[in-house]
Amino acid sequence: MVEATKEDNQYININGNINIYEVDVEWKQEAKYLGIILDKQLTWKNQTQTSINKAKAVTSKLYPFLNRQSHMSISNKLLLIKTSIRPALAYGSTSWSYASDCHLKRLQATENKILRMAVDAPWFVRNNQIFCAG
């Protein structure tokens, strides 16, 4: 963590390199800040993939409670999904306003798969019916 004040030795070279205490700060294609991955073009591709991976990891830990053969009630399964998996998917979502539709659809598809698994929905049940049930 760099805590620089006005009196500290920090400046920008003619080359565009940033120096803090005579140490060059190297440029990166992406950076992680407060758990959100910011890339150079702000495409949010890596952030959405990381969110999907986190949601899948949480789902695998909760699988004994969420699987199709679990005897837990559907309302309790939906409560588990809303309190533990959805926050993993939606973390930092306020900054995704310019994310492309394909990345947002991948997040939605992941949530749909988890919901379908939890409620044991057959193929002909629509996703919005599952969402309304919860």
Protein backbone atom coordinates (compact mmCIF):
# COMPACT_ATOMS: atom_id res chain seq x y z
CA MET A 1 0.00 0.00 0.00
CA VAL A 2 1.39 3.38 -0.97
CA GLU A 3 0.50 6.29 1.25
CA ALA A 4 1.98 9.39 -0.29
CA THR A 5 1.53 12.95 0.87
CA LYS A 6 2.40 16.18 -0.90
CA GLU A 7 5.76 16.33 0.82
CA ASP A 8 6.79 12.84 -0.26
CA ASN A 9 9.09 12.24 -3.18
CA GLN A 10 6.74 11.36 -6.02
CA TYR A 11 6.77 12.56 -9.60
CA ILE A 12 6.14 11.58 -13.19
CA ASN A 13 9.09 11.28 -15.56
CA ILE A 14 9.20 12.64 -19.08
CA ASN A 15 8.72 9.03 -20.25
CA GLY A 16 5.41 8.83 -18.37
CA ASN A 17 6.76 6.54 -15.65
CA ILE A 18 5.62 7.21 -12.11
CA ASN A 19 8.29 7.29 -9.42
CA ILE A 20 7.57 7.06 -5.72
CA TYR A 21 10.62 7.31 -3.46
CA GLU A 22 12.82 6.88 -6.55
CA VAL A 23 11.23 3.53 -7.38
CA ASP A 24 9.49 3.10 -10.73
CA VAL A 25 5.89 1.92 -10.58
CA GLU A 26 5.39 -0.50 -13.44
CA TRP A 27 2.31 -0.41 -15.66
CA LYS A 28 -0.07 -3.39 -15.59
CA GLN A 29 -2.88 -4.46 -17.89
CA GLU A 30 -5.20 -5.05 -14.94
CA ALA A 31 -5.33 -4.21 -11.27
CA LYS A 32 -7.34 -5.49 -8.34
CA TYR A 33 -8.84 -2.84 -6.08
CA LEU A 34 -11.24 -3.68 -3.24
CA GLY A 35 -11.75 -7.13 -4.72
CA ILE A 36 -12.74 -5.81 -8.15
CA ILE A 37 -10.53 -6.47 -11.16
CA LEU A 38 -10.13 -3.39 -13.32
CA ASP A 39 -8.66 -4.00 -16.76
CA LYS A 40 -7.23 -1.50 -19.19
CA GLN A 41 -10.35 -1.26 -21.37
CA LEU A 42 -12.88 -1.74 -18.53
CA THR A 43 -14.48 -4.70 -20.28
CA TRP A 44 -15.14 -6.49 -16.94
CA LYS A 45 -14.36 -9.85 -18.55
CA ASN A 46 -11.98 -11.02 -15.82
CA GLN A 47 -14.18 -9.62 -13.05
CA THR A 48 -17.25 -11.48 -14.27
CA GLN A 49 -15.26 -14.70 -14.68
CA THR A 50 -13.88 -14.31 -11.15
CA SER A 51 -17.40 -13.74 -9.81
CA ILE A 52 -18.63 -16.86 -11.60
CA ASN A 53 -15.75 -18.90 -10.19
CA LYS A 54 -16.47 -17.65 -6.66
CA ALA A 55 -20.16 -18.50 -7.01
CA LYS A 56 -19.29 -21.99 -8.27
CA ALA A 57 -16.93 -22.47 -5.33
CA VAL A 58 -19.65 -21.47 -2.86
CA THR A 59 -22.12 -23.73 -4.67
CA SER A 60 -19.77 -26.69 -4.41
CA LYS A 61 -19.45 -26.14 -0.66
CA LEU A 62 -23.23 -25.92 -0.26
CA TYR A 63 -23.98 -28.74 -2.72
CA PRO A 64 -25.11 -31.23 -0.04
CA PHE A 65 -27.87 -28.77 0.88
CA LEU A 66 -28.73 -27.55 -2.64
CA ASN A 67 -28.67 -30.71 -4.73
CA ARG A 68 -31.76 -32.23 -6.30
CA GLN A 69 -31.97 -35.08 -3.78
CA SER A 70 -31.69 -32.85 -0.71
CA HIS A 71 -34.68 -32.99 1.63
CA MET A 72 -34.34 -29.30 2.51
CA SER A 73 -37.36 -27.18 1.62
CA ILE A 74 -37.25 -25.05 -1.52
CA SER A 75 -37.69 -21.85 0.46
CA ASN A 76 -34.62 -22.69 2.56
CA LYS A 77 -32.64 -23.55 -0.56
CA LEU A 78 -33.59 -20.23 -2.13
CA LEU A 79 -32.64 -18.47 1.08
CA LEU A 80 -29.20 -20.10 0.95
CA ILE A 81 -28.79 -19.01 -2.66
CA LYS A 82 -29.86 -15.44 -1.94
CA THR A 83 -27.62 -15.06 1.10
CA SER A 84 -24.45 -16.79 -0.01
CA ILE A 85 -24.26 -17.33 -3.77
CA ARG A 86 -25.94 -14.20 -5.12
CA PRO A 87 -23.59 -11.85 -3.19
CA ALA A 88 -20.62 -13.69 -4.71
CA LEU A 89 -22.08 -13.10 -8.17
CA ALA A 90 -23.15 -9.51 -7.59
CA TYR A 91 -20.13 -8.14 -5.72
CA GLY A 92 -19.13 -4.87 -7.38
CA SER A 93 -22.14 -4.92 -9.69
CA THR A 94 -22.70 -1.19 -9.29
CA SER A 95 -19.56 -0.57 -11.29
CA TRP A 96 -20.58 -2.85 -14.17
CA SER A 97 -22.90 -0.35 -15.83
CA TYR A 98 -20.92 -0.45 -19.09
CA ALA A 99 -20.20 -4.17 -19.11
CA SER A 100 -21.16 -5.92 -22.32
CA ASP A 101 -24.33 -7.98 -22.48
CA CYS A 102 -22.43 -11.22 -23.04
CA HIS A 103 -20.65 -10.89 -19.68
CA LEU A 104 -23.87 -10.06 -17.86
CA LYS A 105 -25.66 -12.96 -19.56
CA ARG A 106 -22.95 -15.34 -18.34
CA LEU A 107 -23.61 -14.19 -14.77
CA GLN A 108 -27.35 -14.66 -15.24
CA ALA A 109 -26.86 -18.09 -16.81
CA THR A 110 -24.76 -19.18 -13.84
CA GLU A 111 -27.44 -18.09 -11.41
CA ASN A 112 -30.12 -19.83 -13.51
CA LYS A 113 -28.19 -23.12 -13.45
CA ILE A 114 -27.81 -22.97 -9.68
CA LEU A 115 -31.50 -22.17 -9.18
CA ARG A 116 -32.60 -24.96 -11.50
CA MET A 117 -30.40 -27.42 -9.64
CA ALA A 118 -31.77 -26.32 -6.27
CA VAL A 119 -35.48 -26.48 -7.12
CA ASP A 120 -35.13 -29.51 -9.43
CA ALA A 121 -36.93 -27.69 -12.23
CA PRO A 122 -37.70 -29.67 -15.39
CA TRP A 123 -36.68 -28.30 -18.77
CA PHE A 124 -40.07 -26.77 -19.60
CA VAL A 125 -40.24 -24.50 -16.51
CA ARG A 126 -39.24 -20.95 -17.34
CA ASN A 127 -36.53 -19.17 -15.38
CA ASN A 128 -38.77 -16.25 -14.40
CA GLN A 129 -41.21 -18.72 -12.82
CA ILE A 130 -38.36 -19.95 -10.64
CA PHE A 131 -37.40 -16.39 -9.72
CA CYS A 132 -41.00 -15.53 -8.82
CA ALA A 133 -41.26 -18.61 -6.60
CA GLY A 134 -38.53 -17.25 -4.35
